[in-house]
């Protein structure tokens, strides 16, 4: 049987595309004792509340028909956000040269977060240009999260 996130992505992708958007991610998580099924979307020029509403209504109907989740949950559709996490190789390719934050599972040199410019992605390892000609390499196994960073 398919995971809830995989099934939701399959159901949502054509609807998201028909709305002129791209499916960024799907997550199914438990927070404060309640389950949440979230669909994150992206669109050139930004996602509007109308995009989220139209996609939410259609995908919700399909989820009701497919009924992949036992019990209650909250369904949400939202923008991937300006500081979205990068997960797939295509995400790293698309945002090469962008400012990012890398969060580690364990301390390295006394800290868990590093900020810099995404300089490479090799077999799951992230290369981060931290300035001054220094490029740090973070292996996939030590990297908890890589997300875009908005600079003001």
C-alpha atoms as a PDB file:
ATOM      1  CA  UNK A   1       0.000   0.000   0.000  1.00  0.00           C
ATOM      2  CA  UNK A   2       1.211   3.502  -0.853  1.00  0.00           C
ATOM      3  CA  UNK A   3       2.143   6.011   1.792  1.00  0.00           C
ATOM      4  CA  UNK A   4      -0.388   8.764   2.469  1.00  0.00           C
ATOM      5  CA  UNK A   5       2.022  11.385   1.120  1.00  0.00           C
ATOM      6  CA  UNK A   6       2.619   9.462  -2.129  1.00  0.00           C
ATOM      7  CA  UNK A   7      -1.086   8.922  -2.763  1.00  0.00           C
ATOM      8  CA  UNK A   8      -1.855  12.556  -1.962  1.00  0.00           C
ATOM      9  CA  UNK A   9       0.881  13.720  -4.359  1.00  0.00           C
ATOM     10  CA  UNK A  10      -0.550  11.519  -7.118  1.00  0.00           C
ATOM     11  CA  UNK A  11      -4.057  12.879  -6.566  1.00  0.00           C
ATOM     12  CA  UNK A  12      -2.952  16.503  -6.218  1.00  0.00           C
ATOM     13  CA  UNK A  13      -0.422  16.805  -9.060  1.00  0.00           C
ATOM     14  CA  UNK A  14      -2.891  17.127 -11.982  1.00  0.00           C
ATOM     15  CA  UNK A  15      -5.059  19.574 -10.026  1.00  0.00           C
ATOM     16  CA  UNK A  16      -2.073  21.666  -8.986  1.00  0.00           C
ATOM     17  CA  UNK A  17      -0.797  21.731 -12.591  1.00  0.00           C
ATOM     18  CA  UNK A  18      -4.240  22.707 -13.941  1.00  0.00           C
ATOM     19  CA  UNK A  19      -4.156  25.680 -11.557  1.00  0.00           C
ATOM     20  CA  UNK A  20      -0.814  26.763 -13.080  1.00  0.00           C
ATOM     21  CA  UNK A  21       1.161  25.738 -10.034  1.00  0.00           C
ATOM     22  CA  UNK A  22       3.804  23.153  -9.169  1.00  0.00           C
ATOM     23  CA  UNK A  23       3.553  20.598  -6.363  1.00  0.00           C
ATOM     24  CA  UNK A  24       6.499  21.313  -4.068  1.00  0.00           C
ATOM     25  CA  UNK A  25       5.956  18.816  -1.253  1.00  0.00           C
ATOM     26  CA  UNK A  26       3.430  16.809   0.767  1.00  0.00           C
ATOM     27  CA  UNK A  27       3.777  16.061   4.465  1.00  0.00           C
ATOM     28  CA  UNK A  28       1.698  14.061   6.912  1.00  0.00           C
ATOM     29  CA  UNK A  29       2.716  14.907  10.474  1.00  0.00           C
ATOM     30  CA  UNK A  30       1.422  14.743  14.020  1.00  0.00           C
ATOM     31  CA  UNK A  31       1.601  18.008  15.930  1.00  0.00           C
ATOM     32  CA  UNK A  32       0.244  18.591  19.431  1.00  0.00           C
ATOM     33  CA  UNK A  33      -1.765  15.369  19.265  1.00  0.00           C
ATOM     34  CA  UNK A  34      -3.442  16.107  15.913  1.00  0.00           C
ATOM     35  CA  UNK A  35      -2.615  14.849  12.421  1.00  0.00           C
ATOM     36  CA  UNK A  36      -2.018  17.300   9.549  1.00  0.00           C
ATOM     37  CA  UNK A  37      -1.870  16.535   5.847  1.00  0.00           C
ATOM     38  CA  UNK A  38      -0.201  19.457   4.079  1.00  0.00           C
ATOM     39  CA  UNK A  39       0.270  20.121   0.381  1.00  0.00           C
ATOM     40  CA  UNK A  40       2.841  22.773  -0.483  1.00  0.00           C
ATOM     41  CA  UNK A  41       2.651  24.483  -3.876  1.00  0.00           C
ATOM     42  CA  UNK A  42       4.741  26.953  -5.840  1.00  0.00           C
ATOM     43  CA  UNK A  43       4.084  29.230  -8.807  1.00  0.00           C
ATOM     44  CA  UNK A  44       6.089  31.705 -10.842  1.00  0.00           C
ATOM     45  CA  UNK A  45       5.206  35.104  -9.412  1.00  0.00           C
ATOM     46  CA  UNK A  46       3.934  33.612  -6.159  1.00  0.00           C
ATOM     47  CA  UNK A  47       1.012  31.597  -4.862  1.00  0.00           C
ATOM     48  CA  UNK A  48      -2.248  33.387  -4.016  1.00  0.00           C
ATOM     49  CA  UNK A  49      -4.906  32.495  -1.466  1.00  0.00           C
ATOM     50  CA  UNK A  50      -7.199  31.789  -4.435  1.00  0.00           C
ATOM     51  CA  UNK A  51      -4.724  29.192  -5.748  1.00  0.00           C
ATOM     52  CA  UNK A  52      -4.656  27.488  -2.342  1.00  0.00           C
ATOM     53  CA  UNK A  53      -8.435  27.554  -2.004  1.00  0.00           C
ATOM     54  CA  UNK A  54      -9.129  26.145  -5.495  1.00  0.00           C
ATOM     55  CA  UNK A  55      -6.589  23.349  -5.066  1.00  0.00           C
ATOM     56  CA  UNK A  56      -7.729  22.590  -1.520  1.00  0.00           C
ATOM     57  CA  UNK A  57     -11.371  22.122  -2.515  1.00  0.00           C
ATOM     58  CA  UNK A  58     -10.606  19.801  -5.424  1.00  0.00           C
ATOM     59  CA  UNK A  59      -7.956  17.710  -3.661  1.00  0.00           C
ATOM     60  CA  UNK A  60     -10.110  17.464  -0.542  1.00  0.00           C
ATOM     61  CA  UNK A  61     -12.930  15.963  -2.629  1.00  0.00           C
ATOM     62  CA  UNK A  62     -10.541  13.391  -4.120  1.00  0.00           C
ATOM     63  CA  UNK A  63      -9.178  12.525  -0.679  1.00  0.00           C
ATOM     64  CA  UNK A  64     -12.731  12.004   0.579  1.00  0.00           C
ATOM     65  CA  UNK A  65     -13.322   9.541  -2.271  1.00  0.00           C
ATOM     66  CA  UNK A  66     -10.006   7.701  -1.884  1.00  0.00           C
ATOM     67  CA  UNK A  67     -10.240   7.766   1.936  1.00  0.00           C
ATOM     68  CA  UNK A  68      -6.528   6.923   2.506  1.00  0.00           C
ATOM     69  CA  UNK A  69      -6.432   7.990   6.160  1.00  0.00           C
ATOM     70  CA  UNK A  70      -8.167   6.327   9.084  1.00  0.00           C
ATOM     71  CA  UNK A  71      -9.280   8.803  11.701  1.00  0.00           C
ATOM     72  CA  UNK A  72      -9.446  12.562  11.597  1.00  0.00           C
ATOM     73  CA  UNK A  73      -6.869  14.977  10.258  1.00  0.00           C
ATOM     74  CA  UNK A  74      -6.592  18.584   9.146  1.00  0.00           C
ATOM     75  CA  UNK A  75      -5.939  19.194   5.453  1.00  0.00           C
ATOM     76  CA  UNK A  76      -4.023  22.318   4.409  1.00  0.00           C
ATOM     77  CA  UNK A  77      -2.745  23.730   1.117  1.00  0.00           C
ATOM     78  CA  UNK A  78      -0.181  26.517   1.245  1.00  0.00           C
ATOM     79  CA  UNK A  79       2.725  28.150  -0.505  1.00  0.00           C
ATOM     80  CA  UNK A  80       6.091  26.435  -0.197  1.00  0.00           C
ATOM     81  CA  UNK A  81       7.282  29.752   1.280  1.00  0.00           C
ATOM     82  CA  UNK A  82      10.270  31.981   0.707  1.00  0.00           C
ATOM     83  CA  UNK A  83      12.437  29.950   3.095  1.00  0.00           C
ATOM     84  CA  UNK A  84      11.338  26.556   1.815  1.00  0.00           C
ATOM     85  CA  UNK A  85      13.299  23.379   2.508  1.00  0.00           C
ATOM     86  CA  UNK A  86      15.304  21.879  -0.348  1.00  0.00           C
ATOM     87  CA  UNK A  87      14.901  18.090  -0.538  1.00  0.00           C
ATOM     88  CA  UNK A  88      15.184  16.711  -4.072  1.00  0.00           C
ATOM     89  CA  UNK A  89      18.243  16.966  -6.324  1.00  0.00           C
ATOM     90  CA  UNK A  90      16.152  19.139  -8.679  1.00  0.00           C
ATOM     91  CA  UNK A  91      15.529  21.592  -5.796  1.00  0.00           C
ATOM     92  CA  UNK A  92      19.268  21.982  -5.272  1.00  0.00           C
ATOM     93  CA  UNK A  93      19.864  22.389  -9.012  1.00  0.00           C
ATOM     94  CA  UNK A  94      17.152  25.017  -9.310  1.00  0.00           C
ATOM     95  CA  UNK A  95      18.483  27.115  -6.426  1.00  0.00           C
ATOM     96  CA  UNK A  96      22.231  26.764  -7.038  1.00  0.00           C
ATOM     97  CA  UNK A  97      23.926  30.046  -6.081  1.00  0.00           C
ATOM     98  CA  UNK A  98      21.110  31.030  -3.702  1.00  0.00           C
ATOM     99  CA  UNK A  99      21.530  31.880  -0.033  1.00  0.00           C
ATOM    100  CA  UNK A 100      20.724  28.880   2.189  1.00  0.00           C
ATOM    101  CA  UNK A 101      20.926  27.710   5.781  1.00  0.00           C
ATOM    102  CA  UNK A 102      22.211  24.212   6.544  1.00  0.00           C
ATOM    103  CA  UNK A 103      21.116  22.652   9.837  1.00  0.00           C
ATOM    104  CA  UNK A 104      23.019  19.638  11.176  1.00  0.00           C
ATOM    105  CA  UNK A 105      22.010  16.817  13.500  1.00  0.00           C
ATOM    106  CA  UNK A 106      25.158  17.233  15.602  1.00  0.00           C
ATOM    107  CA  UNK A 107      27.456  20.155  16.331  1.00  0.00           C
ATOM    108  CA  UNK A 108      30.344  20.849  14.013  1.00  0.00           C
ATOM    109  CA  UNK A 109      32.876  23.366  15.284  1.00  0.00           C
ATOM    110  CA  UNK A 110      30.512  24.183  18.148  1.00  0.00           C
ATOM    111  CA  UNK A 111      27.373  24.911  16.141  1.00  0.00           C
ATOM    112  CA  UNK A 112      24.557  23.224  14.252  1.00  0.00           C
ATOM    113  CA  UNK A 113      23.625  25.932  11.703  1.00  0.00           C
ATOM    114  CA  UNK A 114      25.651  27.345   8.861  1.00  0.00           C
ATOM    115  CA  UNK A 115      24.640  30.095   6.438  1.00  0.00           C
ATOM    116  CA  UNK A 116      26.112  30.709   3.019  1.00  0.00           C
ATOM    117  CA  UNK A 117      25.560  30.310  -0.694  1.00  0.00           C
ATOM    118  CA  UNK A 118      24.625  26.949  -2.201  1.00  0.00           C
ATOM    119  CA  UNK A 119      27.749  26.056  -4.168  1.00  0.00           C
ATOM    120  CA  UNK A 120      27.118  22.426  -5.079  1.00  0.00           C
ATOM    121  CA  UNK A 121      25.213  19.214  -4.545  1.00  0.00           C
ATOM    122  CA  UNK A 122      27.027  15.906  -5.029  1.00  0.00           C
ATOM    123  CA  UNK A 123      25.368  12.557  -4.231  1.00  0.00           C
ATOM    124  CA  UNK A 124      23.387  14.061  -1.363  1.00  0.00           C
ATOM    125  CA  UNK A 125      26.242  16.155  -0.004  1.00  0.00           C
ATOM    126  CA  UNK A 126      25.750  19.925   0.139  1.00  0.00           C
ATOM    127  CA  UNK A 127      28.566  22.336  -0.677  1.00  0.00           C
ATOM    128  CA  UNK A 128      28.211  25.696   1.061  1.00  0.00           C
ATOM    129  CA  UNK A 129      30.248  28.789   0.202  1.00  0.00           C
ATOM    130  CA  UNK A 130      30.592  30.642   3.499  1.00  0.00           C
ATOM    131  CA  UNK A 131      32.706  33.444   2.055  1.00  0.00           C
ATOM    132  CA  UNK A 132      36.383  34.253   2.081  1.00  0.00           C
ATOM    133  CA  UNK A 133      37.056  31.447  -0.378  1.00  0.00           C
ATOM    134  CA  UNK A 134      35.853  28.797   2.086  1.00  0.00           C
ATOM    135  CA  UNK A 135      33.510  26.051   0.890  1.00  0.00           C
ATOM    136  CA  UNK A 136      32.207  23.583   3.477  1.00  0.00           C
ATOM    137  CA  UNK A 137      30.944  20.111   2.607  1.00  0.00           C
ATOM    138  CA  UNK A 138      28.056  18.591   4.554  1.00  0.00           C
ATOM    139  CA  UNK A 139      27.358  14.910   3.983  1.00  0.00           C
ATOM    140  CA  UNK A 140      23.764  13.753   3.632  1.00  0.00           C
ATOM    141  CA  UNK A 141      23.901  11.675   6.846  1.00  0.00           C
ATOM    142  CA  UNK A 142      24.870  14.714   8.958  1.00  0.00           C
ATOM    143  CA  UNK A 143      22.426  17.179   7.362  1.00  0.00           C
ATOM    144  CA  UNK A 144      19.063  17.587   9.072  1.00  0.00           C
ATOM    145  CA  UNK A 145      17.723  20.376   6.849  1.00  0.00           C
ATOM    146  CA  UNK A 146      18.696  22.702   4.022  1.00  0.00           C
ATOM    147  CA  UNK A 147      16.419  25.649   3.408  1.00  0.00           C
ATOM    148  CA  UNK A 148      16.477  28.819   1.351  1.00  0.00           C
ATOM    149  CA  UNK A 149      17.432  31.923   3.312  1.00  0.00           C
ATOM    150  CA  UNK A 150      15.931  35.326   2.652  1.00  0.00           C
ATOM    151  CA  UNK A 151      18.389  38.167   3.007  1.00  0.00           C
ATOM    152  CA  UNK A 152      17.199  41.688   3.730  1.00  0.00           C
END
